[in-house]
Amino acid sequence: MTTILDFEKPIMEIEKKIEELKQMSLESGMDSTKEIETFMQQAEAYKKDLYENLKPAQKLQIARHPERPNFLDYVSGICTDFVELHGDRQGMDDRAIIGGLAKIDGRPVMIIGTMKGKSTKENLEYNFGMPQPQGYRKALRLMKHANKFNMPIVTLIDTPGAYPGISAEETGQGVAIATNLRDMAKLTVPVIAIITGEGCSGGALGLAVADRVYLLEHAYYTVISPEGCASILWRDAAKASVAAEALKITAPDLLKFGIIDGAIKEPIGGAHHNYELMCSEMKNTIKSAIEELEKLSPEDLKSNRYEKYRKMGAFIEG
């Protein structure tokens, strides 16, 4: 059964009434087809209007929906012949980042992403999608492999942030992410990054230094989680909705600021309502980006990527 979010309850009430009307029509023998169709049309119009005008805090809830597709769901829906590659070559294999060789309509790619579970057991296995240093080292190893064999790189990102525990700090969390930022900038093959749910802080950026960065319609991309921001600014995590508004974390604002290159439309209600349609939209976006980027020389890819990130933000020297 799909988890219902607070703001979706009016939709559920309408759909419940439609089902009751259908049942009454069946039991009484009266033809209520026109009335049912009218209610259904009204419900669809309401849903369309609701999901097209969500507040950042509501998008936040959809981005974190427990039934949202995860990395392996997308791989199975977009790719064929996926072969997972393990390990950071230092004796460790972080399950919060998964990657390997695959084909998208026959074209070889390296696909890498953060992985979340859908149950307590899975979330423990994947550390709730929070990578440790060995995960970033594994990801970079796979990227360098793709670079060597001239394969496009696709990264799918859904993480509340890099793991903040003592073990991660002791094994070089900051250095691992910084190394990825530096070395991803030097790659000479097309790199496409898609934030599919949560894209928080350096944990997301460690996989997102790309030629094209896309955001799913109800995903978010931010320097800090709204709860973390609210805790710092107001000493109150309950003000996360205010922080979400101020941080400008959703696709329209990120497009305006030049942080992302495009938004990918989700099925009405979110990606979890139609995995197949979501995968199709993502696949088309990835193929189009690769075809465009493969026309550029390796040097142009690097220089354009450098310029892309140099233009982000504004500062004043005093």
Protein backbone atom coordinates (compact mmCIF):
# COMPACT_ATOMS: atom_id res chain seq x y z
CA MET A 1 0.00 0.00 0.00
CA THR A 2 1.32 3.43 -0.98
CA THR A 3 2.29 5.74 1.88
CA ILE A 4 -0.01 8.79 1.83
CA LEU A 5 1.56 12.17 2.57
CA ASP A 6 -0.35 14.77 4.61
CA PHE A 7 -1.11 17.10 1.70
CA GLU A 8 -2.34 14.15 -0.42
CA LYS A 9 -5.20 13.24 1.96
CA PRO A 10 -7.84 15.35 0.13
CA ILE A 11 -7.07 13.35 -3.05
CA MET A 12 -7.57 10.11 -1.15
CA GLU A 13 -10.93 11.37 0.14
CA ILE A 14 -12.09 12.18 -3.39
CA GLU A 15 -10.98 8.78 -4.70
CA LYS A 16 -12.70 7.10 -1.77
CA LYS A 17 -15.98 8.85 -2.62
CA ILE A 18 -15.63 7.77 -6.27
CA GLU A 19 -15.24 4.15 -5.16
CA GLU A 20 -18.28 4.47 -2.88
CA LEU A 21 -20.31 5.89 -5.78
CA LYS A 22 -19.25 2.98 -7.99
CA GLN A 23 -20.27 0.50 -5.30
CA MET A 24 -23.66 2.18 -4.79
CA SER A 25 -24.26 2.16 -8.54
CA LEU A 26 -23.41 -1.55 -8.67
CA GLU A 27 -25.67 -2.45 -5.75
CA SER A 28 -28.66 -0.32 -6.80
CA GLY A 29 -28.45 -1.05 -10.52
CA MET A 30 -28.63 2.69 -11.31
CA ASP A 31 -26.43 4.03 -14.10
CA SER A 32 -24.14 6.62 -12.48
CA THR A 33 -21.52 6.57 -15.23
CA LYS A 34 -21.76 10.31 -16.00
CA GLU A 35 -21.55 11.33 -12.34
CA ILE A 36 -18.55 9.04 -11.79
CA GLU A 37 -16.79 10.39 -14.88
CA THR A 38 -17.39 13.96 -13.68
CA PHE A 39 -15.91 13.17 -10.26
CA MET A 40 -12.92 11.45 -11.87
CA GLN A 41 -12.26 14.42 -14.14
CA GLN A 42 -12.45 16.77 -11.15
CA ALA A 43 -10.06 14.52 -9.20
CA GLU A 44 -7.53 14.47 -12.04
CA ALA A 45 -7.71 18.26 -12.44
CA TYR A 46 -7.22 18.71 -8.69
CA LYS A 47 -4.24 16.34 -8.65
CA LYS A 48 -2.62 18.07 -11.63
CA ASP A 49 -3.02 21.49 -10.04
CA LEU A 50 -1.78 20.26 -6.66
CA TYR A 51 1.42 18.63 -7.92
CA GLU A 52 2.25 21.50 -10.27
CA ASN A 53 2.12 24.00 -7.39
CA LEU A 54 3.82 22.19 -4.54
CA LYS A 55 5.75 24.16 -1.93
CA PRO A 56 9.43 23.22 -1.37
CA ALA A 57 8.55 21.49 1.93
CA GLN A 58 6.00 19.33 0.11
CA LYS A 59 8.48 18.43 -2.63
CA LEU A 60 10.84 17.48 0.18
CA GLN A 61 8.31 14.89 1.35
CA ILE A 62 7.97 13.40 -2.13
CA ALA A 63 11.76 13.32 -2.61
CA ARG A 64 12.01 11.27 0.60
CA HIS A 65 9.03 9.01 -0.12
CA PRO A 66 9.87 5.47 1.06
CA GLU A 67 8.55 3.91 -2.16
CA ARG A 68 10.47 6.18 -4.51
CA PRO A 69 12.59 4.24 -7.04
CA ASN A 70 16.16 3.62 -5.91
CA PHE A 71 19.36 3.23 -7.92
CA LEU A 72 18.86 -0.45 -8.80
CA ASP A 73 15.24 0.22 -9.85
CA TYR A 74 16.48 2.82 -12.32
CA VAL A 75 19.29 0.57 -13.57
CA SER A 76 16.84 -2.26 -14.29
CA GLY A 77 14.45 0.16 -16.03
CA ILE A 78 17.01 2.08 -18.09
CA CYS A 79 19.90 -0.31 -18.73
CA THR A 80 20.65 -3.81 -19.92
CA ASP A 81 23.65 -6.07 -19.23
CA PHE A 82 24.50 -4.40 -15.92
CA VAL A 83 27.64 -5.81 -14.31
CA GLU A 84 28.34 -4.48 -10.82
CA LEU A 85 31.96 -3.69 -10.01
CA HIS A 86 33.07 -3.82 -6.38
CA GLY A 87 35.69 -2.35 -4.12
CA ASP A 88 37.94 0.68 -3.74
CA ARG A 89 41.15 -1.34 -4.20
CA GLN A 90 41.99 -0.63 -0.56
CA GLY A 91 40.10 -3.60 0.82
CA MET A 92 36.66 -2.00 1.27
CA ASP A 93 33.34 -1.95 -0.60
CA ASP A 94 30.78 0.66 0.45
CA ARG A 95 27.24 -0.52 -0.32
CA ALA A 96 25.88 3.04 -0.16
CA ILE A 97 27.43 3.59 -3.61
CA ILE A 98 26.87 1.02 -6.34
CA GLY A 99 28.29 1.13 -9.84
CA GLY A 100 29.18 -0.92 -12.85
CA LEU A 101 29.16 -1.40 -16.59
CA ALA A 102 25.88 -1.36 -18.47
CA LYS A 103 24.31 -0.63 -21.84
CA ILE A 104 21.67 1.96 -22.69
CA ASP A 105 20.09 0.90 -25.99
CA GLY A 106 23.30 -0.93 -26.85
CA ARG A 107 25.63 1.94 -25.91
CA PRO A 108 28.18 1.02 -23.19
CA VAL A 109 28.18 3.34 -20.16
CA MET A 110 29.50 3.39 -16.62
CA ILE A 111 26.56 3.95 -14.28
CA ILE A 112 27.16 4.84 -10.63
CA GLY A 113 24.81 5.96 -7.90
CA THR A 114 23.93 6.20 -4.25
CA MET A 115 21.69 3.42 -3.02
CA LYS A 116 18.84 3.54 -0.49
CA GLY A 117 16.78 0.66 0.82
CA LYS A 118 13.01 0.31 1.12
CA SER A 119 13.00 -1.61 4.39
CA THR A 120 14.89 -1.35 7.66
CA LYS A 121 17.06 -4.31 6.67
CA GLU A 122 17.93 -2.79 3.29
CA ASN A 123 18.57 0.65 4.76
CA LEU A 124 21.02 -0.84 7.23
CA GLU A 125 22.78 -2.63 4.36
CA TYR A 126 23.03 0.57 2.34
CA ASN A 127 23.63 2.85 5.34
CA PHE A 128 20.50 4.87 4.48
CA GLY A 129 22.19 6.11 1.29
CA MET A 130 25.01 7.86 3.18
CA PRO A 131 28.37 6.97 1.58
CA GLN A 132 31.66 6.59 3.41
CA PRO A 133 35.11 7.44 1.97
CA GLN A 134 35.51 4.00 0.44
CA GLY A 135 32.32 4.62 -1.56
CA TYR A 136 33.71 7.77 -3.12
CA ARG A 137 37.01 6.03 -3.82
CA LYS A 138 35.15 3.17 -5.51
CA ALA A 139 33.12 5.63 -7.60
CA LEU A 140 36.25 7.45 -8.72
CA ARG A 141 37.96 4.17 -9.61
CA LEU A 142 35.02 3.29 -11.87
CA MET A 143 35.02 6.75 -13.43
CA LYS A 144 38.72 6.47 -14.27
CA HIS A 145 38.06 3.05 -15.79
CA ALA A 146 35.32 4.58 -17.98
CA ASN A 147 37.63 7.44 -18.90
CA LYS A 148 40.35 5.00 -19.99
CA PHE A 149 37.96 3.12 -22.29
CA ASN A 150 36.11 6.22 -23.55
CA MET A 151 32.70 5.40 -22.03
CA PRO A 152 30.17 8.03 -20.94
CA ILE A 153 29.54 8.21 -17.19
CA VAL A 154 26.06 8.46 -15.66
CA THR A 155 25.60 9.15 -11.95
CA LEU A 156 22.26 8.88 -10.12
CA ILE A 157 22.20 10.67 -6.78
CA ASP A 158 19.81 10.26 -3.87
CA THR A 159 21.52 10.90 -0.55
CA PRO A 160 20.82 12.88 2.63
CA GLY A 161 24.58 13.49 2.70
CA ALA A 162 27.86 11.72 3.22
CA TYR A 163 28.03 9.60 6.38
CA PRO A 164 28.98 11.96 9.27
CA GLY A 165 30.20 9.28 11.68
CA ILE A 166 33.60 9.06 13.37
CA SER A 167 34.64 6.07 11.23
CA ALA A 168 34.15 8.13 8.06
CA GLU A 169 36.18 11.03 9.44
CA GLU A 170 38.95 8.68 10.54
CA THR A 171 39.21 7.18 7.05
CA GLY A 172 39.26 10.51 5.20
CA GLN A 173 35.74 11.58 4.28
CA GLY A 174 36.65 15.15 3.37
CA VAL A 175 39.70 14.13 1.36
CA ALA A 176 37.76 11.44 -0.54
CA ILE A 177 35.04 13.92 -1.60
CA ALA A 178 37.56 16.63 -2.46
CA THR A 179 39.55 14.19 -4.59
CA ASN A 180 36.38 13.29 -6.50
CA LEU A 181 35.62 16.96 -7.14
CA ARG A 182 39.12 17.53 -8.49
CA ASP A 183 39.38 14.40 -10.59
CA MET A 184 35.85 14.52 -12.01
CA ALA A 185 36.71 17.96 -13.37
CA LYS A 186 39.56 16.34 -15.33
CA LEU A 187 37.54 13.57 -17.00
CA THR A 188 37.63 13.60 -20.80
CA VAL A 189 34.37 11.68 -21.40
CA PRO A 190 30.77 12.92 -21.11
CA VAL A 191 29.49 12.95 -17.52
CA ILE A 192 25.74 13.18 -16.81
CA ALA A 193 24.46 13.51 -13.23
CA ILE A 194 20.82 13.18 -12.19
CA ILE A 195 19.56 13.98 -8.69
CA THR A 196 16.68 11.53 -8.32
CA GLY A 197 15.59 12.36 -4.77
CA GLU A 198 17.73 13.99 -2.12
CA GLY A 199 20.89 15.81 -3.18
CA CYS A 200 22.47 17.05 0.01
CA SER A 201 25.79 18.81 0.50
CA GLY A 202 29.20 17.41 -0.45
CA GLY A 203 27.77 13.91 -0.24
CA ALA A 204 25.86 14.63 -3.47
CA LEU A 205 28.46 16.90 -5.06
CA GLY A 206 31.07 14.14 -4.79
CA LEU A 207 29.22 12.43 -7.68
CA ALA A 208 27.84 15.51 -9.43
CA VAL A 209 30.74 17.40 -11.06
CA ALA A 210 29.24 16.75 -14.48
CA ASP A 211 28.79 18.26 -17.94
CA ARG A 212 25.03 18.05 -17.51
CA VAL A 213 23.23 18.03 -14.16
CA TYR A 214 19.52 17.24 -14.09
CA LEU A 215 16.99 17.23 -11.28
CA LEU A 216 13.84 15.16 -11.15
CA GLU A 217 10.76 17.38 -10.83
CA HIS A 218 10.18 16.65 -7.13
CA ALA A 219 13.81 16.11 -6.11
CA TYR A 220 15.94 18.72 -4.37
CA TYR A 221 19.60 19.80 -4.40
CA THR A 222 21.06 21.80 -1.55
CA VAL A 223 24.21 22.73 0.35
CA ILE A 224 22.60 21.59 3.62
CA SER A 225 19.41 19.79 4.58
CA PRO A 226 16.52 22.10 5.54
CA GLU A 227 16.51 20.52 9.02
CA GLY A 228 20.25 21.20 9.42
CA CYS A 229 19.84 24.77 8.21
CA ALA A 230 16.92 25.40 10.60
CA SER A 231 18.90 23.95 13.51
CA ILE A 232 21.78 26.33 12.83
CA LEU A 233 19.80 29.49 12.07
CA TRP A 234 16.87 29.16 14.47
CA ARG A 235 18.02 26.39 16.82
CA ASP A 236 14.82 24.62 15.80
CA ALA A 237 14.70 21.78 13.24
CA ALA A 238 10.90 22.11 13.19
CA LYS A 239 11.37 25.24 11.04
CA ALA A 240 12.64 23.07 8.17
CA SER A 241 9.79 24.20 5.92
CA VAL A 242 10.88 27.84 6.31
CA ALA A 243 14.47 26.85 5.57
CA ALA A 244 13.39 24.83 2.51
CA GLU A 245 11.73 27.94 1.10
CA ALA A 246 14.76 30.15 1.79
CA LEU A 247 17.38 27.72 0.47
CA LYS A 248 15.93 27.65 -3.08
CA ILE A 249 16.39 23.90 -3.40
CA THR A 250 13.87 22.96 -6.12
CA ALA A 251 14.19 22.82 -9.90
CA PRO A 252 12.73 26.24 -10.88
CA ASP A 253 15.13 28.17 -8.63
CA LEU A 254 18.13 25.95 -9.41
CA LEU A 255 17.52 26.42 -13.14
CA LYS A 256 17.29 30.17 -12.68
CA PHE A 257 20.63 30.24 -10.83
CA GLY A 258 22.33 27.99 -13.39
CA ILE A 259 23.04 25.22 -10.86
CA ILE A 260 21.27 22.54 -12.93
CA ASP A 261 20.82 22.15 -16.68
CA GLY A 262 17.29 20.83 -16.71
CA ALA A 263 14.37 19.29 -14.83
CA ILE A 264 12.95 15.87 -15.68
CA LYS A 265 9.17 15.57 -15.50
CA GLU A 266 7.79 13.03 -13.03
CA PRO A 267 4.51 11.11 -13.27
CA ILE A 268 1.63 12.85 -11.49
CA GLY A 269 2.13 12.24 -7.78
CA GLY A 270 5.82 11.47 -8.08
CA ALA A 271 8.21 8.87 -9.49
CA HIS A 272 6.90 6.16 -7.15
CA HIS A 273 3.54 6.17 -8.94
CA ASN A 274 4.93 4.93 -12.26
CA TYR A 275 8.44 3.45 -12.33
CA GLU A 276 8.24 2.60 -16.03
CA LEU A 277 7.30 6.11 -17.14
CA MET A 278 9.95 7.67 -14.88
CA CYS A 279 12.65 5.40 -16.28
CA SER A 280 11.58 6.23 -19.83
CA GLU A 281 11.84 9.99 -19.19
CA MET A 282 15.27 9.59 -17.59
CA LYS A 283 16.53 7.31 -20.35
CA ASN A 284 15.53 9.80 -23.05
CA THR A 285 17.27 12.61 -21.16
CA ILE A 286 20.47 10.59 -20.72
CA LYS A 287 20.58 9.51 -24.39
CA SER A 288 19.99 13.05 -25.62
CA ALA A 289 22.74 14.45 -23.35
CA ILE A 290 25.26 11.80 -24.39
CA GLU A 291 24.57 12.39 -28.09
CA GLU A 292 25.09 16.13 -27.62
CA LEU A 293 28.25 15.80 -25.51
CA GLU A 294 29.92 13.17 -27.68
CA LYS A 295 30.21 15.78 -30.44
CA LEU A 296 32.71 17.71 -28.27
CA SER A 297 36.43 17.01 -28.09
CA PRO A 298 37.96 15.82 -24.79
CA GLU A 299 39.57 19.24 -24.29
CA ASP A 300 36.29 21.04 -24.94
CA LEU A 301 34.52 18.80 -22.43
CA LYS A 302 37.06 19.67 -19.75
CA SER A 303 37.17 23.40 -20.45
CA ASN A 304 33.36 23.69 -20.68
CA ARG A 305 32.99 21.81 -17.40
CA TYR A 306 35.51 24.13 -15.74
CA GLU A 307 33.68 27.22 -17.00
CA LYS A 308 30.32 25.80 -15.94
CA TYR A 309 31.37 25.58 -12.29
CA ARG A 310 33.39 28.81 -12.26
CA LYS A 311 30.25 30.73 -13.20
CA MET A 312 28.22 29.46 -10.26
CA GLY A 313 27.60 31.85 -7.39
CA ALA A 314 28.72 35.41 -6.88
CA PHE A 315 31.09 36.99 -4.41
CA ILE A 316 32.49 40.41 -3.51
CA GLU A 317 36.08 40.96 -2.44
CA GLY A 318 36.44 43.55 0.30
